[in-house]
Amino acid sequence: MLTPFLILKKKIMSTVYEYIAKSNPHSAKSLCESYGYTITNPRSMSNNLKTLINNEGEDALKSLMDMHPDKEIILEYFGSKPNKKENSCGCKSSTSNNFAPLEAYLNANGKQESDARMLATNTNTIIFASALVLAVAIIFKNDK
């Protein structure tokens, strides 16, 4: 017999694909079929959804998230909320939201370079500059 804790733990451990496939199986099947996939095993719908997203990308992911059973709650909690405080310029602009620092920290917007990429670029620049200085030094040494 499963205790409530174990049931809760089991629900938390599932993926979003499993959750949507179990909560909305007909829509999940329709989504896969709308992208031209034939569902041969409806029992593995979560794997079908995962394959669909891996193959089709962002458009399929947006369609999948539209059918998420808790979409309204998620949007209500995490949606863009205008910042009602005055900005440093003194205006009450509603373009900034409370989640911008978190988004920048998680690199969720894709516009900022990751630390690893930035480090690799800086390292390559330093190596190139060192090689250039060394080449110039060798050229001037041979001229004397």
N, C-alpha and C. Protein backbone atom coordinates (compact mmCIF):
# COMPACT_ATOMS: atom_id res chain seq x y z
N MET A 1 0.84 -1.18 0.00
CA MET A 1 0.00 0.00 0.00
C MET A 1 0.88 1.24 0.00
N LEU A 2 0.53 2.22 -0.84
CA LEU A 2 1.31 3.44 -0.92
C LEU A 2 0.79 4.46 0.07
N THR A 3 1.69 5.05 0.79
CA THR A 3 1.30 6.12 1.70
C THR A 3 1.12 7.40 0.89
N PRO A 4 0.43 8.41 1.42
CA PRO A 4 0.27 9.67 0.68
C PRO A 4 1.61 10.29 0.30
N PHE A 5 2.61 10.16 1.16
CA PHE A 5 3.92 10.72 0.84
C PHE A 5 4.51 10.06 -0.40
N LEU A 6 4.41 8.74 -0.47
CA LEU A 6 4.96 8.04 -1.63
C LEU A 6 4.19 8.38 -2.90
N ILE A 7 2.89 8.54 -2.79
CA ILE A 7 2.10 8.93 -3.96
C ILE A 7 2.51 10.31 -4.42
N LEU A 8 2.65 11.23 -3.50
CA LEU A 8 3.07 12.58 -3.84
C LEU A 8 4.46 12.57 -4.45
N LYS A 9 5.37 11.81 -3.88
CA LYS A 9 6.72 11.72 -4.40
C LYS A 9 6.71 11.18 -5.83
N LYS A 10 5.88 10.19 -6.08
CA LYS A 10 5.80 9.61 -7.41
C LYS A 10 5.28 10.63 -8.42
N LYS A 11 4.31 11.45 -8.04
CA LYS A 11 3.76 12.46 -8.94
C LYS A 11 4.79 13.54 -9.22
N ILE A 12 5.56 13.92 -8.24
CA ILE A 12 6.55 14.97 -8.43
C ILE A 12 7.67 14.49 -9.35
N MET A 13 7.99 13.24 -9.30
CA MET A 13 9.10 12.71 -10.06
C MET A 13 8.80 12.58 -11.56
N SER A 14 7.55 12.69 -11.99
CA SER A 14 7.22 12.50 -13.39
C SER A 14 7.63 13.73 -14.20
N THR A 15 7.82 13.53 -15.49
CA THR A 15 8.20 14.62 -16.37
C THR A 15 6.96 15.35 -16.86
N VAL A 16 7.18 16.49 -17.46
CA VAL A 16 6.06 17.25 -18.01
C VAL A 16 5.40 16.46 -19.14
N TYR A 17 6.18 15.66 -19.86
CA TYR A 17 5.62 14.84 -20.94
C TYR A 17 4.66 13.80 -20.37
N GLU A 18 5.06 13.16 -19.27
CA GLU A 18 4.19 12.16 -18.63
C GLU A 18 2.92 12.81 -18.09
N TYR A 19 3.09 13.97 -17.50
CA TYR A 19 1.96 14.67 -16.89
C TYR A 19 0.93 15.07 -17.95
N ILE A 20 1.39 15.62 -19.05
CA ILE A 20 0.47 16.03 -20.12
C ILE A 20 -0.14 14.81 -20.79
N ALA A 21 0.67 13.78 -21.02
CA ALA A 21 0.16 12.57 -21.68
C ALA A 21 -0.93 11.90 -20.83
N LYS A 22 -0.77 11.89 -19.52
CA LYS A 22 -1.77 11.27 -18.65
C LYS A 22 -2.99 12.16 -18.45
N SER A 23 -2.77 13.47 -18.40
CA SER A 23 -3.87 14.39 -18.15
C SER A 23 -4.71 14.67 -19.39
N ASN A 24 -4.08 14.65 -20.54
CA ASN A 24 -4.76 15.04 -21.77
C ASN A 24 -4.31 14.14 -22.92
N PRO A 25 -4.59 12.84 -22.87
CA PRO A 25 -4.04 11.92 -23.87
C PRO A 25 -4.55 12.15 -25.29
N HIS A 26 -5.81 12.54 -25.42
CA HIS A 26 -6.36 12.75 -26.76
C HIS A 26 -5.70 13.95 -27.44
N SER A 27 -5.51 15.03 -26.71
CA SER A 27 -4.85 16.20 -27.27
C SER A 27 -3.38 15.91 -27.58
N ALA A 28 -2.74 15.12 -26.72
CA ALA A 28 -1.34 14.76 -26.96
C ALA A 28 -1.21 13.96 -28.25
N LYS A 29 -2.13 13.03 -28.45
CA LYS A 29 -2.12 12.22 -29.67
C LYS A 29 -2.40 13.10 -30.89
N SER A 30 -3.35 14.02 -30.76
CA SER A 30 -3.67 14.92 -31.87
C SER A 30 -2.48 15.81 -32.22
N LEU A 31 -1.76 16.26 -31.20
CA LEU A 31 -0.58 17.09 -31.44
C LEU A 31 0.46 16.33 -32.24
N CYS A 32 0.75 15.11 -31.84
CA CYS A 32 1.73 14.30 -32.56
C CYS A 32 1.29 14.07 -34.01
N GLU A 33 0.02 13.77 -34.17
CA GLU A 33 -0.50 13.53 -35.52
C GLU A 33 -0.51 14.79 -36.37
N SER A 34 -0.68 15.95 -35.75
CA SER A 34 -0.67 17.20 -36.52
C SER A 34 0.70 17.50 -37.11
N TYR A 35 1.75 16.93 -36.54
CA TYR A 35 3.09 17.08 -37.09
C TYR A 35 3.46 15.92 -38.01
N GLY A 36 2.50 15.07 -38.33
CA GLY A 36 2.72 13.99 -39.28
C GLY A 36 3.21 12.69 -38.69
N TYR A 37 3.20 12.56 -37.39
CA TYR A 37 3.64 11.34 -36.74
C TYR A 37 2.45 10.39 -36.59
N THR A 38 2.72 9.11 -36.72
CA THR A 38 1.71 8.09 -36.49
C THR A 38 1.98 7.45 -35.14
N ILE A 39 0.95 7.43 -34.30
CA ILE A 39 1.08 6.87 -32.96
C ILE A 39 0.81 5.38 -33.04
N THR A 40 1.84 4.58 -32.80
CA THR A 40 1.68 3.13 -32.85
C THR A 40 1.49 2.53 -31.46
N ASN A 41 1.98 3.24 -30.43
CA ASN A 41 1.85 2.73 -29.07
C ASN A 41 1.37 3.87 -28.16
N PRO A 42 0.06 4.00 -27.97
CA PRO A 42 -0.45 5.09 -27.14
C PRO A 42 -0.01 5.00 -25.68
N ARG A 43 0.43 3.84 -25.23
CA ARG A 43 0.88 3.70 -23.83
C ARG A 43 2.19 4.42 -23.57
N SER A 44 2.94 4.68 -24.62
CA SER A 44 4.21 5.41 -24.46
C SER A 44 4.08 6.83 -24.99
N MET A 45 2.93 7.45 -24.70
CA MET A 45 2.67 8.79 -25.21
C MET A 45 3.70 9.80 -24.71
N SER A 46 4.19 9.65 -23.48
CA SER A 46 5.19 10.60 -22.98
C SER A 46 6.46 10.52 -23.82
N ASN A 47 6.87 9.33 -24.21
CA ASN A 47 8.04 9.21 -25.09
C ASN A 47 7.74 9.78 -26.47
N ASN A 48 6.51 9.61 -26.93
CA ASN A 48 6.12 10.19 -28.22
C ASN A 48 6.22 11.71 -28.18
N LEU A 49 5.75 12.30 -27.08
CA LEU A 49 5.83 13.76 -26.93
C LEU A 49 7.27 14.22 -26.85
N LYS A 50 8.07 13.49 -26.12
CA LYS A 50 9.49 13.84 -25.99
C LYS A 50 10.19 13.80 -27.35
N THR A 51 9.91 12.77 -28.13
CA THR A 51 10.48 12.65 -29.47
C THR A 51 10.00 13.78 -30.36
N LEU A 52 8.73 14.10 -30.26
CA LEU A 52 8.17 15.20 -31.05
C LEU A 52 8.90 16.50 -30.77
N ILE A 53 9.09 16.83 -29.50
CA ILE A 53 9.76 18.08 -29.12
C ILE A 53 11.22 18.06 -29.56
N ASN A 54 11.89 16.93 -29.41
CA ASN A 54 13.28 16.83 -29.84
C ASN A 54 13.43 17.02 -31.34
N ASN A 55 12.48 16.50 -32.10
CA ASN A 55 12.58 16.58 -33.55
C ASN A 55 12.04 17.88 -34.13
N GLU A 56 10.98 18.41 -33.56
CA GLU A 56 10.30 19.56 -34.16
C GLU A 56 10.66 20.90 -33.53
N GLY A 57 11.14 20.89 -32.31
CA GLY A 57 11.65 22.11 -31.70
C GLY A 57 10.63 22.99 -31.02
N GLU A 58 10.88 24.30 -31.09
CA GLU A 58 10.17 25.28 -30.29
C GLU A 58 8.68 25.37 -30.63
N ASP A 59 8.31 25.27 -31.90
CA ASP A 59 6.89 25.35 -32.25
C ASP A 59 6.09 24.23 -31.60
N ALA A 60 6.63 23.02 -31.64
CA ALA A 60 5.96 21.89 -31.01
C ALA A 60 5.91 22.06 -29.50
N LEU A 61 6.97 22.61 -28.91
CA LEU A 61 6.99 22.83 -27.47
C LEU A 61 5.92 23.85 -27.06
N LYS A 62 5.77 24.91 -27.84
CA LYS A 62 4.74 25.90 -27.54
C LYS A 62 3.35 25.27 -27.62
N SER A 63 3.13 24.44 -28.63
CA SER A 63 1.84 23.77 -28.76
C SER A 63 1.60 22.82 -27.59
N LEU A 64 2.65 22.14 -27.17
CA LEU A 64 2.53 21.22 -26.03
C LEU A 64 2.21 21.99 -24.75
N MET A 65 2.87 23.10 -24.54
CA MET A 65 2.63 23.87 -23.32
C MET A 65 1.25 24.50 -23.32
N ASP A 66 0.67 24.75 -24.50
CA ASP A 66 -0.70 25.26 -24.55
C ASP A 66 -1.70 24.26 -24.01
N MET A 67 -1.39 22.98 -24.08
CA MET A 67 -2.31 21.97 -23.57
C MET A 67 -1.98 21.51 -22.16
N HIS A 68 -1.02 22.15 -21.51
CA HIS A 68 -0.66 21.80 -20.13
C HIS A 68 -1.87 22.01 -19.23
N PRO A 69 -2.23 21.04 -18.42
CA PRO A 69 -3.42 21.15 -17.58
C PRO A 69 -3.36 22.29 -16.56
N ASP A 70 -2.17 22.66 -16.13
CA ASP A 70 -2.02 23.71 -15.12
C ASP A 70 -1.52 25.02 -15.73
N LYS A 71 -1.76 25.22 -16.99
CA LYS A 71 -1.25 26.38 -17.71
C LYS A 71 -1.70 27.69 -17.05
N GLU A 72 -2.96 27.79 -16.69
CA GLU A 72 -3.48 29.03 -16.11
C GLU A 72 -2.80 29.36 -14.79
N ILE A 73 -2.60 28.35 -13.96
CA ILE A 73 -1.96 28.57 -12.66
C ILE A 73 -0.51 28.99 -12.85
N ILE A 74 0.18 28.35 -13.78
CA ILE A 74 1.58 28.67 -14.04
C ILE A 74 1.71 30.09 -14.55
N LEU A 75 0.85 30.47 -15.50
CA LEU A 75 0.90 31.83 -16.03
C LEU A 75 0.55 32.86 -14.97
N GLU A 76 -0.39 32.53 -14.12
CA GLU A 76 -0.77 33.46 -13.06
C GLU A 76 0.39 33.67 -12.09
N TYR A 77 1.10 32.60 -11.79
CA TYR A 77 2.18 32.70 -10.82
C TYR A 77 3.47 33.26 -11.42
N PHE A 78 3.84 32.78 -12.62
CA PHE A 78 5.11 33.16 -13.20
C PHE A 78 5.00 34.17 -14.33
N GLY A 79 3.81 34.57 -14.70
CA GLY A 79 3.63 35.48 -15.81
C GLY A 79 4.25 36.84 -15.54
N SER A 80 4.40 37.61 -16.59
CA SER A 80 4.99 38.94 -16.46
C SER A 80 4.06 39.83 -15.66
N LYS A 81 4.60 40.38 -14.60
CA LYS A 81 3.84 41.30 -13.77
C LYS A 81 4.54 42.65 -13.84
N PRO A 82 3.84 43.71 -14.24
CA PRO A 82 4.49 45.02 -14.30
C PRO A 82 5.01 45.44 -12.95
N ASN A 83 6.17 46.05 -12.97
CA ASN A 83 6.78 46.55 -11.74
C ASN A 83 6.13 47.88 -11.40
N LYS A 84 5.45 47.97 -10.28
CA LYS A 84 4.73 49.18 -9.94
C LYS A 84 5.60 50.19 -9.23
N LYS A 85 6.82 49.83 -8.91
CA LYS A 85 7.74 50.77 -8.29
C LYS A 85 8.28 51.71 -9.36
N GLU A 86 8.70 52.87 -8.94
CA GLU A 86 9.29 53.79 -9.88
C GLU A 86 10.68 53.31 -10.25
N ASN A 87 11.04 53.52 -11.50
CA ASN A 87 12.38 53.16 -11.95
C ASN A 87 13.37 54.21 -11.49
N SER A 88 14.65 53.95 -11.71
CA SER A 88 15.67 54.89 -11.28
C SER A 88 15.56 56.23 -12.01
N CYS A 89 14.92 56.22 -13.18
CA CYS A 89 14.76 57.47 -13.93
C CYS A 89 13.58 58.28 -13.41
N GLY A 90 12.77 57.72 -12.50
CA GLY A 90 11.64 58.44 -11.94
C GLY A 90 10.34 58.15 -12.65
N CYS A 91 10.39 57.42 -13.77
CA CYS A 91 9.16 57.13 -14.50
C CYS A 91 8.51 55.87 -13.96
N LYS A 92 7.26 55.65 -14.31
CA LYS A 92 6.55 54.45 -13.88
C LYS A 92 6.34 53.54 -15.07
N SER A 93 7.42 53.20 -15.71
CA SER A 93 7.35 52.35 -16.90
C SER A 93 6.90 50.95 -16.53
N SER A 94 6.04 50.38 -17.37
CA SER A 94 5.57 49.03 -17.11
C SER A 94 6.31 48.01 -17.96
N THR A 95 7.39 48.41 -18.61
CA THR A 95 8.12 47.48 -19.47
C THR A 95 8.98 46.52 -18.68
N SER A 96 9.42 46.92 -17.49
CA SER A 96 10.24 46.00 -16.70
C SER A 96 9.32 45.14 -15.86
N ASN A 97 9.78 43.93 -15.56
CA ASN A 97 8.98 43.06 -14.71
C ASN A 97 9.85 42.50 -13.59
N ASN A 98 9.20 41.88 -12.64
CA ASN A 98 9.90 41.38 -11.46
C ASN A 98 10.79 40.20 -11.75
N PHE A 99 10.64 39.55 -12.90
CA PHE A 99 11.35 38.31 -13.17
C PHE A 99 12.56 38.51 -14.09
N ALA A 100 12.85 39.73 -14.48
CA ALA A 100 13.98 39.97 -15.38
C ALA A 100 15.31 39.52 -14.77
N PRO A 101 15.62 39.83 -13.52
CA PRO A 101 16.91 39.36 -12.98
C PRO A 101 17.00 37.84 -12.95
N LEU A 102 15.92 37.17 -12.62
CA LEU A 102 15.93 35.72 -12.60
C LEU A 102 16.15 35.16 -14.00
N GLU A 103 15.50 35.76 -15.01
CA GLU A 103 15.66 35.31 -16.38
C GLU A 103 17.11 35.50 -16.84
N ALA A 104 17.70 36.62 -16.49
CA ALA A 104 19.09 36.86 -16.87
C ALA A 104 20.01 35.87 -16.17
N TYR A 105 19.70 35.56 -14.90
CA TYR A 105 20.53 34.62 -14.16
C TYR A 105 20.47 33.23 -14.75
N LEU A 106 19.31 32.81 -15.19
CA LEU A 106 19.15 31.47 -15.74
C LEU A 106 19.53 31.39 -17.21
N ASN A 107 19.83 32.52 -17.84
CA ASN A 107 20.16 32.58 -19.26
C ASN A 107 19.02 31.99 -20.08
N ALA A 108 17.79 32.27 -19.65
CA ALA A 108 16.63 31.70 -20.32
C ALA A 108 16.27 32.44 -21.59
N ASN A 109 16.69 33.67 -21.72
CA ASN A 109 16.31 34.42 -22.91
C ASN A 109 17.22 34.13 -24.10
N GLY A 110 18.35 33.49 -23.88
CA GLY A 110 19.24 33.10 -24.96
C GLY A 110 20.04 34.24 -25.54
N LYS A 111 19.91 35.44 -25.03
CA LYS A 111 20.61 36.59 -25.60
C LYS A 111 21.98 36.82 -24.96
N GLN A 112 22.19 36.28 -23.77
CA GLN A 112 23.44 36.49 -23.09
C GLN A 112 24.34 35.28 -23.27
N GLU A 113 25.62 35.55 -23.38
CA GLU A 113 26.56 34.44 -23.50
C GLU A 113 26.72 33.74 -22.17
N SER A 114 26.94 32.47 -22.21
CA SER A 114 27.17 31.74 -20.97
C SER A 114 28.59 32.03 -20.49
N ASP A 115 28.84 31.76 -19.23
CA ASP A 115 30.16 32.00 -18.65
C ASP A 115 31.23 31.16 -19.33
N ALA A 116 30.89 29.92 -19.67
CA ALA A 116 31.86 29.03 -20.31
C ALA A 116 32.26 29.56 -21.68
N ARG A 117 31.28 30.02 -22.45
CA ARG A 117 31.58 30.54 -23.78
C ARG A 117 32.40 31.82 -23.68
N MET A 118 32.05 32.68 -22.72
CA MET A 118 32.79 33.92 -22.55
C MET A 118 34.23 33.64 -22.13
N LEU A 119 34.42 32.67 -21.25
CA LEU A 119 35.76 32.29 -20.81
C LEU A 119 36.57 31.72 -21.97
N ALA A 120 35.95 30.89 -22.79
CA ALA A 120 36.64 30.31 -23.94
C ALA A 120 37.03 31.40 -24.93
N THR A 121 36.14 32.37 -25.16
CA THR A 121 36.46 33.47 -26.07
C THR A 121 37.61 34.30 -25.54
N ASN A 122 37.58 34.61 -24.25
CA ASN A 122 38.67 35.40 -23.65
C ASN A 122 39.99 34.63 -23.70
N THR A 123 39.97 33.35 -23.44
CA THR A 123 41.18 32.53 -23.50
C THR A 123 41.74 32.49 -24.91
N ASN A 124 40.88 32.31 -25.90
CA ASN A 124 41.34 32.30 -27.29
C ASN A 124 41.94 33.64 -27.69
N THR A 125 41.34 34.73 -27.23
CA THR A 125 41.88 36.06 -27.53
C THR A 125 43.26 36.24 -26.91
N ILE A 126 43.43 35.81 -25.68
CA ILE A 126 44.72 35.94 -25.01
C ILE A 126 45.78 35.09 -25.71
N ILE A 127 45.43 33.88 -26.11
CA ILE A 127 46.38 33.02 -26.82
C ILE A 127 46.77 33.64 -28.16
N PHE A 128 45.80 34.18 -28.88
CA PHE A 128 46.09 34.80 -30.17
C PHE A 128 46.98 36.03 -29.99
N ALA A 129 46.69 36.87 -29.00
CA ALA A 129 47.50 38.06 -28.76
C ALA A 129 48.92 37.67 -28.36
N SER A 130 49.07 36.64 -27.54
CA SER A 130 50.40 36.18 -27.14
C SER A 130 51.18 35.66 -28.33
N ALA A 131 50.53 34.91 -29.19
CA ALA A 131 51.20 34.39 -30.39
C ALA A 131 51.63 35.53 -31.30
N LEU A 132 50.79 36.55 -31.41
CA LEU A 132 51.12 37.71 -32.24
C LEU A 132 52.33 38.46 -31.69
N VAL A 133 52.36 38.69 -30.37
CA VAL A 133 53.50 39.36 -29.74
C VAL A 133 54.77 38.54 -29.91
N LEU A 134 54.69 37.24 -29.75
CA LEU A 134 55.83 36.35 -29.92
C LEU A 134 56.34 36.39 -31.36
N ALA A 135 55.43 36.38 -32.33
CA ALA A 135 55.83 36.44 -33.73
C ALA A 135 56.54 37.75 -34.05
N VAL A 136 56.01 38.86 -33.54
CA VAL A 136 56.65 40.17 -33.77
C VAL A 136 58.03 40.19 -33.12
N ALA A 137 58.17 39.64 -31.93
CA ALA A 137 59.46 39.61 -31.24
C ALA A 137 60.46 38.78 -32.03
N ILE A 138 60.04 37.65 -32.59
CA ILE A 138 60.95 36.81 -33.38
C ILE A 138 61.38 37.53 -34.64
N ILE A 139 60.46 38.23 -35.28
CA ILE A 139 60.78 38.97 -36.52
C ILE A 139 61.80 40.06 -36.23
N PHE A 140 61.59 40.84 -35.16
CA PHE A 140 62.54 41.90 -34.83
C PHE A 140 63.88 41.36 -34.37
N LYS A 141 63.93 40.21 -33.74
CA LYS A 141 65.18 39.62 -33.30
C LYS A 141 65.98 39.16 -34.51
N ASN A 142 65.34 38.61 -35.52
CA ASN A 142 66.04 38.16 -36.73
C ASN A 142 66.55 39.32 -37.56
N ASP A 143 65.94 40.51 -37.48
CA ASP A 143 66.37 41.66 -38.24
C ASP A 143 67.65 42.26 -37.68
N LYS A 144 67.99 42.07 -36.42
CA LYS A 144 69.17 42.69 -35.83
C LYS A 144 70.38 41.91 -36.06
